[in-house]
Amino acid sequence: AVTPLVGAFASAFWNSSEETGVAGGVSGDPEETWGVSAGLSYQALRWLSLGLTYTHTRALGDDGFTENRVTATATASF
């Protein structure tokens, strides 16, 4: 918690995999995927929480891609 009403987080991940050749894949075709996320949450009311998260993901390999995603959430509890 940053303050009683505001929270924050950060995380990172990394994954390395290699195809096995089963089901028509090319054996030994490596792929690495990594990413980072950061987010904030705000307790707007006792029953309403708002959140905002940014995630960056990158996959390296033959089918590589880069993704930037922003997610906004509103959570109500009764």
PDB file of N, CA and C in Angstrom:
ATOM      1  N   ALA A   1       0.841  -1.187   0.000  1.00  0.00           N
ATOM      2  CA  ALA A   1       0.000   0.000   0.000  1.00  0.00           C
ATOM      3  C   ALA A   1       0.882   1.244   0.000  1.00  0.00           C
ATOM      4  N   VAL A   2       0.576   2.158  -0.872  1.00  0.00           N
ATOM      5  CA  VAL A   2       1.289   3.437  -0.935  1.00  0.00           C
ATOM      6  C   VAL A   2       0.694   4.375   0.107  1.00  0.00           C
ATOM      7  N   THR A   3      -0.617   4.440   0.156  1.00  0.00           N
ATOM      8  CA  THR A   3      -1.376   5.162   1.183  1.00  0.00           C
ATOM      9  C   THR A   3      -2.531   4.241   1.572  1.00  0.00           C
ATOM     10  N   PRO A   4      -3.353   4.621   2.549  1.00  0.00           N
ATOM     11  CA  PRO A   4      -4.493   3.753   2.883  1.00  0.00           C
ATOM     12  C   PRO A   4      -5.477   3.548   1.718  1.00  0.00           C
ATOM     13  N   LEU A   5      -5.502   4.474   0.753  1.00  0.00           N
ATOM     14  CA  LEU A   5      -6.436   4.348  -0.364  1.00  0.00           C
ATOM     15  C   LEU A   5      -5.793   3.920  -1.676  1.00  0.00           C
ATOM     16  N   VAL A   6      -4.478   3.996  -1.778  1.00  0.00           N
ATOM     17  CA  VAL A   6      -3.779   3.712  -3.036  1.00  0.00           C
ATOM     18  C   VAL A   6      -2.817   2.543  -2.844  1.00  0.00           C
ATOM     19  N   GLY A   7      -2.865   1.587  -3.777  1.00  0.00           N
ATOM     20  CA  GLY A   7      -1.944   0.460  -3.788  1.00  0.00           C
ATOM     21  C   GLY A   7      -1.190   0.421  -5.107  1.00  0.00           C
ATOM     22  N   ALA A   8      -0.040  -0.227  -5.120  1.00  0.00           N
ATOM     23  CA  ALA A   8       0.768  -0.334  -6.342  1.00  0.00           C
ATOM     24  C   ALA A   8       1.447  -1.693  -6.381  1.00  0.00           C
ATOM     25  N   PHE A   9       1.764  -2.149  -7.591  1.00  0.00           N
ATOM     26  CA  PHE A   9       2.514  -3.399  -7.735  1.00  0.00           C
ATOM     27  C   PHE A   9       3.346  -3.352  -9.008  1.00  0.00           C
ATOM     28  N   ALA A  10       4.344  -4.192  -9.061  1.00  0.00           N
ATOM     29  CA  ALA A  10       5.168  -4.388 -10.259  1.00  0.00           C
ATOM     30  C   ALA A  10       5.573  -5.856 -10.291  1.00  0.00           C
ATOM     31  N   SER A  11       5.660  -6.428 -11.488  1.00  0.00           N
ATOM     32  CA  SER A  11       6.087  -7.823 -11.622  1.00  0.00           C
ATOM     33  C   SER A  11       6.763  -8.013 -12.972  1.00  0.00           C
ATOM     34  N   ALA A  12       7.512  -9.100 -13.070  1.00  0.00           N
ATOM     35  CA  ALA A  12       8.207  -9.440 -14.313  1.00  0.00           C
ATOM     36  C   ALA A  12       8.182 -10.956 -14.479  1.00  0.00           C
ATOM     37  N   PHE A  13       8.266 -11.422 -15.730  1.00  0.00           N
ATOM     38  CA  PHE A  13       8.341 -12.857 -15.976  1.00  0.00           C
ATOM     39  C   PHE A  13       9.220 -13.129 -17.184  1.00  0.00           C
ATOM     40  N   TRP A  14       9.718 -14.362 -17.258  1.00  0.00           N
ATOM     41  CA  TRP A  14      10.522 -14.831 -18.386  1.00  0.00           C
ATOM     42  C   TRP A  14      10.252 -16.314 -18.555  1.00  0.00           C
ATOM     43  N   ASN A  15      10.091 -16.753 -19.807  1.00  0.00           N
ATOM     44  CA  ASN A  15       9.843 -18.156 -20.101  1.00  0.00           C
ATOM     45  C   ASN A  15      10.631 -18.545 -21.344  1.00  0.00           C
ATOM     46  N   SER A  16      11.245 -19.720 -21.317  1.00  0.00           N
ATOM     47  CA  SER A  16      11.959 -20.244 -22.474  1.00  0.00           C
ATOM     48  C   SER A  16      11.419 -21.639 -22.772  1.00  0.00           C
ATOM     49  N   SER A  17      11.048 -21.874 -24.029  1.00  0.00           N
ATOM     50  CA  SER A  17      10.519 -23.190 -24.393  1.00  0.00           C
ATOM     51  C   SER A  17      11.058 -23.585 -25.758  1.00  0.00           C
ATOM     52  N   GLU A  18      10.947 -24.875 -26.039  1.00  0.00           N
ATOM     53  CA  GLU A  18      11.445 -25.419 -27.297  1.00  0.00           C
ATOM     54  C   GLU A  18      10.461 -26.473 -27.777  1.00  0.00           C
ATOM     55  N   GLU A  19      10.101 -26.432 -29.061  1.00  0.00           N
ATOM     56  CA  GLU A  19       9.156 -27.395 -29.599  1.00  0.00           C
ATOM     57  C   GLU A  19       9.766 -28.797 -29.602  1.00  0.00           C
ATOM     58  N   THR A  20       8.902 -29.798 -29.438  1.00  0.00           N
ATOM     59  CA  THR A  20       9.362 -31.186 -29.350  1.00  0.00           C
ATOM     60  C   THR A  20       9.290 -31.926 -30.680  1.00  0.00           C
ATOM     61  N   GLY A  21       8.577 -31.380 -31.649  1.00  0.00           N
ATOM     62  CA  GLY A  21       8.395 -32.081 -32.914  1.00  0.00           C
ATOM     63  C   GLY A  21       7.125 -32.897 -32.956  1.00  0.00           C
ATOM     64  N   VAL A  22       6.408 -33.007 -31.846  1.00  0.00           N
ATOM     65  CA  VAL A  22       5.146 -33.736 -31.784  1.00  0.00           C
ATOM     66  C   VAL A  22       4.065 -32.882 -32.446  1.00  0.00           C
ATOM     67  N   ALA A  23       3.149 -33.500 -33.146  1.00  0.00           N
ATOM     68  CA  ALA A  23       2.004 -32.840 -33.792  1.00  0.00           C
ATOM     69  C   ALA A  23       2.439 -31.878 -34.893  1.00  0.00           C
ATOM     70  N   GLY A  24       3.516 -32.180 -35.576  1.00  0.00           N
ATOM     71  CA  GLY A  24       3.902 -31.404 -36.747  1.00  0.00           C
ATOM     72  C   GLY A  24       4.781 -30.196 -36.485  1.00  0.00           C
ATOM     73  N   GLY A  25       5.157 -29.946 -35.266  1.00  0.00           N
ATOM     74  CA  GLY A  25       6.043 -28.820 -34.973  1.00  0.00           C
ATOM     75  C   GLY A  25       7.466 -29.121 -35.412  1.00  0.00           C
ATOM     76  N   VAL A  26       8.277 -28.081 -35.508  1.00  0.00           N
ATOM     77  CA  VAL A  26       9.681 -28.241 -35.866  1.00  0.00           C
ATOM     78  C   VAL A  26      10.467 -28.465 -34.585  1.00  0.00           C
ATOM     79  N   SER A  27      11.064 -29.627 -34.448  1.00  0.00           N
ATOM     80  CA  SER A  27      11.804 -29.955 -33.239  1.00  0.00           C
ATOM     81  C   SER A  27      12.965 -28.984 -33.033  1.00  0.00           C
ATOM     82  N   GLY A  28      13.072 -28.482 -31.807  1.00  0.00           N
ATOM     83  CA  GLY A  28      14.184 -27.617 -31.459  1.00  0.00           C
ATOM     84  C   GLY A  28      13.976 -26.150 -31.774  1.00  0.00           C
ATOM     85  N   ASP A  29      12.791 -25.748 -32.249  1.00  0.00           N
ATOM     86  CA  ASP A  29      12.512 -24.346 -32.563  1.00  0.00           C
ATOM     87  C   ASP A  29      12.299 -23.581 -31.254  1.00  0.00           C
ATOM     88  N   PRO A  30      13.299 -22.817 -30.779  1.00  0.00           N
ATOM     89  CA  PRO A  30      13.189 -22.175 -29.462  1.00  0.00           C
ATOM     90  C   PRO A  30      12.348 -20.894 -29.501  1.00  0.00           C
ATOM     91  N   GLU A  31      11.738 -20.580 -28.388  1.00  0.00           N
ATOM     92  CA  GLU A  31      11.006 -19.326 -28.225  1.00  0.00           C
ATOM     93  C   GLU A  31      11.190 -18.821 -26.797  1.00  0.00           C
ATOM     94  N   GLU A  32      11.490 -17.568 -26.671  1.00  0.00           N
ATOM     95  CA  GLU A  32      11.590 -16.930 -25.364  1.00  0.00           C
ATOM     96  C   GLU A  32      10.512 -15.865 -25.269  1.00  0.00           C
ATOM     97  N   THR A  33       9.869 -15.806 -24.120  1.00  0.00           N
ATOM     98  CA  THR A  33       8.845 -14.807 -23.863  1.00  0.00           C
ATOM     99  C   THR A  33       9.170 -14.122 -22.546  1.00  0.00           C
ATOM    100  N   TRP A  34       9.090 -12.807 -22.531  1.00  0.00           N
ATOM    101  CA  TRP A  34       9.300 -12.064 -21.291  1.00  0.00           C
ATOM    102  C   TRP A  34       8.322 -10.903 -21.230  1.00  0.00           C
ATOM    103  N   GLY A  35       8.131 -10.397 -20.034  1.00  0.00           N
ATOM    104  CA  GLY A  35       7.210  -9.280 -19.886  1.00  0.00           C
ATOM    105  C   GLY A  35       7.320  -8.622 -18.537  1.00  0.00           C
ATOM    106  N   VAL A  36       6.742  -7.444 -18.446  1.00  0.00           N
ATOM    107  CA  VAL A  36       6.686  -6.685 -17.201  1.00  0.00           C
ATOM    108  C   VAL A  36       5.280  -6.108 -17.051  1.00  0.00           C
ATOM    109  N   SER A  37       4.866  -5.932 -15.805  1.00  0.00           N
ATOM    110  CA  SER A  37       3.569  -5.331 -15.500  1.00  0.00           C
ATOM    111  C   SER A  37       3.730  -4.359 -14.351  1.00  0.00           C
ATOM    112  N   ALA A  38       2.908  -3.330 -14.357  1.00  0.00           N
ATOM    113  CA  ALA A  38       2.858  -2.380 -13.249  1.00  0.00           C
ATOM    114  C   ALA A  38       1.423  -1.897 -13.134  1.00  0.00           C
ATOM    115  N   GLY A  39       0.997  -1.642 -11.917  1.00  0.00           N
ATOM    116  CA  GLY A  39      -0.386  -1.224 -11.749  1.00  0.00           C
ATOM    117  C   GLY A  39      -0.614  -0.421 -10.495  1.00  0.00           C
ATOM    118  N   LEU A  40      -1.734   0.279 -10.503  1.00  0.00           N
ATOM    119  CA  LEU A  40      -2.187   1.068  -9.367  1.00  0.00           C
ATOM    120  C   LEU A  40      -3.631   0.698  -9.063  1.00  0.00           C
ATOM    121  N   SER A  41      -3.994   0.774  -7.799  1.00  0.00           N
ATOM    122  CA  SER A  41      -5.388   0.600  -7.403  1.00  0.00           C
ATOM    123  C   SER A  41      -5.774   1.749  -6.473  1.00  0.00           C
ATOM    124  N   TYR A  42      -7.041   2.099  -6.523  1.00  0.00           N
ATOM    125  CA  TYR A  42      -7.551   3.196  -5.703  1.00  0.00           C
ATOM    126  C   TYR A  42      -8.873   2.783  -5.083  1.00  0.00           C
ATOM    127  N   GLN A  43      -8.977   2.885  -3.773  1.00  0.00           N
ATOM    128  CA  GLN A  43     -10.216   2.555  -3.066  1.00  0.00           C
ATOM    129  C   GLN A  43     -11.091   3.799  -3.064  1.00  0.00           C
ATOM    130  N   ALA A  44     -11.925   3.950  -4.106  1.00  0.00           N
ATOM    131  CA  ALA A  44     -12.734   5.158  -4.285  1.00  0.00           C
ATOM    132  C   ALA A  44     -13.797   5.294  -3.186  1.00  0.00           C
ATOM    133  N   LEU A  45     -14.462   4.197  -2.899  1.00  0.00           N
ATOM    134  CA  LEU A  45     -15.460   4.135  -1.837  1.00  0.00           C
ATOM    135  C   LEU A  45     -15.229   2.848  -1.066  1.00  0.00           C
ATOM    136  N   ARG A  46     -15.885   2.687   0.056  1.00  0.00           N
ATOM    137  CA  ARG A  46     -15.689   1.464   0.842  1.00  0.00           C
ATOM    138  C   ARG A  46     -16.024   0.231   0.018  1.00  0.00           C
ATOM    139  N   TRP A  47     -16.964   0.346  -0.926  1.00  0.00           N
ATOM    140  CA  TRP A  47     -17.424  -0.790  -1.718  1.00  0.00           C
ATOM    141  C   TRP A  47     -16.923  -0.765  -3.171  1.00  0.00           C
ATOM    142  N   LEU A  48     -16.159   0.280  -3.563  1.00  0.00           N
ATOM    143  CA  LEU A  48     -15.730   0.423  -4.956  1.00  0.00           C
ATOM    144  C   LEU A  48     -14.217   0.622  -5.051  1.00  0.00           C
ATOM    145  N   SER A  49     -13.567  -0.273  -5.782  1.00  0.00           N
ATOM    146  CA  SER A  49     -12.131  -0.185  -6.019  1.00  0.00           C
ATOM    147  C   SER A  49     -11.882  -0.009  -7.516  1.00  0.00           C
ATOM    148  N   LEU A  50     -10.979   0.902  -7.872  1.00  0.00           N
ATOM    149  CA  LEU A  50     -10.625   1.155  -9.266  1.00  0.00           C
ATOM    150  C   LEU A  50      -9.174   0.754  -9.487  1.00  0.00           C
ATOM    151  N   GLY A  51      -8.879   0.219 -10.655  1.00  0.00           N
ATOM    152  CA  GLY A  51      -7.517  -0.227 -10.937  1.00  0.00           C
ATOM    153  C   GLY A  51      -7.091   0.090 -12.358  1.00  0.00           C
ATOM    154  N   LEU A  52      -5.792   0.231 -12.540  1.00  0.00           N
ATOM    155  CA  LEU A  52      -5.205   0.467 -13.855  1.00  0.00           C
ATOM    156  C   LEU A  52      -3.904  -0.328 -13.921  1.00  0.00           C
ATOM    157  N   THR A  53      -3.765  -1.165 -14.953  1.00  0.00           N
ATOM    158  CA  THR A  53      -2.581  -2.013 -15.104  1.00  0.00           C
ATOM    159  C   THR A  53      -2.018  -1.873 -16.513  1.00  0.00           C
ATOM    160  N   TYR A  54      -0.686  -1.772 -16.613  1.00  0.00           N
ATOM    161  CA  TYR A  54       0.017  -1.761 -17.896  1.00  0.00           C
ATOM    162  C   TYR A  54       0.874  -3.019 -17.973  1.00  0.00           C
ATOM    163  N   THR A  55       0.802  -3.730 -19.100  1.00  0.00           N
ATOM    164  CA  THR A  55       1.593  -4.938 -19.306  1.00  0.00           C
ATOM    165  C   THR A  55       2.289  -4.866 -20.666  1.00  0.00           C
ATOM    166  N   HIS A  56       3.583  -5.153 -20.671  1.00  0.00           N
ATOM    167  CA  HIS A  56       4.368  -5.240 -21.911  1.00  0.00           C
ATOM    168  C   HIS A  56       4.864  -6.672 -22.023  1.00  0.00           C
ATOM    169  N   THR A  57       4.566  -7.330 -23.161  1.00  0.00           N
ATOM    170  CA  THR A  57       4.988  -8.711 -23.398  1.00  0.00           C
ATOM    171  C   THR A  57       5.713  -8.773 -24.737  1.00  0.00           C
ATOM    172  N   ARG A  58       6.819  -9.514 -24.768  1.00  0.00           N
ATOM    173  CA  ARG A  58       7.561  -9.705 -26.013  1.00  0.00           C
ATOM    174  C   ARG A  58       7.947 -11.179 -26.129  1.00  0.00           C
ATOM    175  N   ALA A  59       7.657 -11.752 -27.307  1.00  0.00           N
ATOM    176  CA  ALA A  59       8.044 -13.124 -27.614  1.00  0.00           C
ATOM    177  C   ALA A  59       9.061 -13.079 -28.743  1.00  0.00           C
ATOM    178  N   LEU A  60      10.152 -13.804 -28.571  1.00  0.00           N
ATOM    179  CA  LEU A  60      11.209 -13.865 -29.573  1.00  0.00           C
ATOM    180  C   LEU A  60      11.210 -15.257 -30.186  1.00  0.00           C
ATOM    181  N   GLY A  61      11.336 -15.341 -31.477  1.00  0.00           N
ATOM    182  CA  GLY A  61      11.326 -16.620 -32.176  1.00  0.00           C
ATOM    183  C   GLY A  61      10.698 -16.427 -33.544  1.00  0.00           C
ATOM    184  N   ASP A  62      10.417 -17.540 -34.231  1.00  0.00           N
ATOM    185  CA  ASP A  62       9.836 -17.461 -35.575  1.00  0.00           C
ATOM    186  C   ASP A  62       8.489 -16.751 -35.577  1.00  0.00           C
ATOM    187  N   ASP A  63       7.676 -17.001 -34.575  1.00  0.00           N
ATOM    188  CA  ASP A  63       6.348 -16.390 -34.484  1.00  0.00           C
ATOM    189  C   ASP A  63       6.334 -15.290 -33.429  1.00  0.00           C
ATOM    190  N   GLY A  64       7.408 -14.530 -33.320  1.00  0.00           N
ATOM    191  CA  GLY A  64       7.534 -13.522 -32.279  1.00  0.00           C
ATOM    192  C   GLY A  64       6.507 -12.403 -32.391  1.00  0.00           C
ATOM    193  N   PHE A  65       6.254 -11.756 -31.277  1.00  0.00           N
ATOM    194  CA  PHE A  65       5.306 -10.643 -31.243  1.00  0.00           C
ATOM    195  C   PHE A  65       5.652  -9.731 -30.075  1.00  0.00           C
ATOM    196  N   THR A  66       5.114  -8.527 -30.121  1.00  0.00           N
ATOM    197  CA  THR A  66       5.198  -7.580 -29.022  1.00  0.00           C
ATOM    198  C   THR A  66       3.783  -7.108 -28.722  1.00  0.00           C
ATOM    199  N   GLU A  67       3.427  -7.074 -27.437  1.00  0.00           N
ATOM    200  CA  GLU A  67       2.093  -6.635 -27.043  1.00  0.00           C
ATOM    201  C   GLU A  67       2.200  -5.635 -25.900  1.00  0.00           C
ATOM    202  N   ASN A  68       1.492  -4.521 -26.028  1.00  0.00           N
ATOM    203  CA  ASN A  68       1.339  -3.542 -24.963  1.00  0.00           C
ATOM    204  C   ASN A  68      -0.143  -3.504 -24.620  1.00  0.00           C
ATOM    205  N   ARG A  69      -0.460  -3.691 -23.340  1.00  0.00           N
ATOM    206  CA  ARG A  69      -1.860  -3.766 -22.938  1.00  0.00           C
ATOM    207  C   ARG A  69      -2.095  -2.905 -21.703  1.00  0.00           C
ATOM    208  N   VAL A  70      -3.166  -2.132 -21.731  1.00  0.00           N
ATOM    209  CA  VAL A  70      -3.606  -1.363 -20.579  1.00  0.00           C
ATOM    210  C   VAL A  70      -4.991  -1.872 -20.195  1.00  0.00           C
ATOM    211  N   THR A  71      -5.162  -2.195 -18.913  1.00  0.00           N
ATOM    212  CA  THR A  71      -6.424  -2.711 -18.430  1.00  0.00           C
ATOM    213  C   THR A  71      -6.945  -1.826 -17.300  1.00  0.00           C
ATOM    214  N   ALA A  72      -8.173  -1.374 -17.431  1.00  0.00           N
ATOM    215  CA  ALA A  72      -8.838  -0.612 -16.380  1.00  0.00           C
ATOM    216  C   ALA A  72      -9.915  -1.483 -15.766  1.00  0.00           C
ATOM    217  N   THR A  73     -10.012  -1.478 -14.433  1.00  0.00           N
ATOM    218  CA  THR A  73     -11.002  -2.308 -13.749  1.00  0.00           C
ATOM    219  C   THR A  73     -11.774  -1.474 -12.727  1.00  0.00           C
ATOM    220  N   ALA A  74     -12.982  -1.877 -12.495  1.00  0.00           N
ATOM    221  CA  ALA A  74     -13.813  -1.339 -11.418  1.00  0.00           C
ATOM    222  C   ALA A  74     -14.418  -2.545 -10.710  1.00  0.00           C
ATOM    223  N   THR A  75     -14.182  -2.659  -9.411  1.00  0.00           N
ATOM    224  CA  THR A  75     -14.672  -3.794  -8.651  1.00  0.00           C
ATOM    225  C   THR A  75     -15.592  -3.304  -7.536  1.00  0.00           C
ATOM    226  N   ALA A  76     -16.810  -3.783  -7.563  1.00  0.00           N
ATOM    227  CA  ALA A  76     -17.790  -3.418  -6.537  1.00  0.00           C
ATOM    228  C   ALA A  76     -18.066  -4.634  -5.660  1.00  0.00           C
ATOM    229  N   SER A  77     -18.146  -4.414  -4.372  1.00  0.00           N
ATOM    230  CA  SER A  77     -18.484  -5.506  -3.457  1.00  0.00           C
ATOM    231  C   SER A  77     -19.633  -5.072  -2.549  1.00  0.00           C
ATOM    232  N   PHE A  78     -20.594  -5.961  -2.412  1.00  0.00           N
ATOM    233  CA  PHE A  78     -21.779  -5.647  -1.607  1.00  0.00           C
ATOM    234  C   PHE A  78     -21.992  -6.694  -0.551  1.00  0.00           C
TER     235      PHE A  78
END
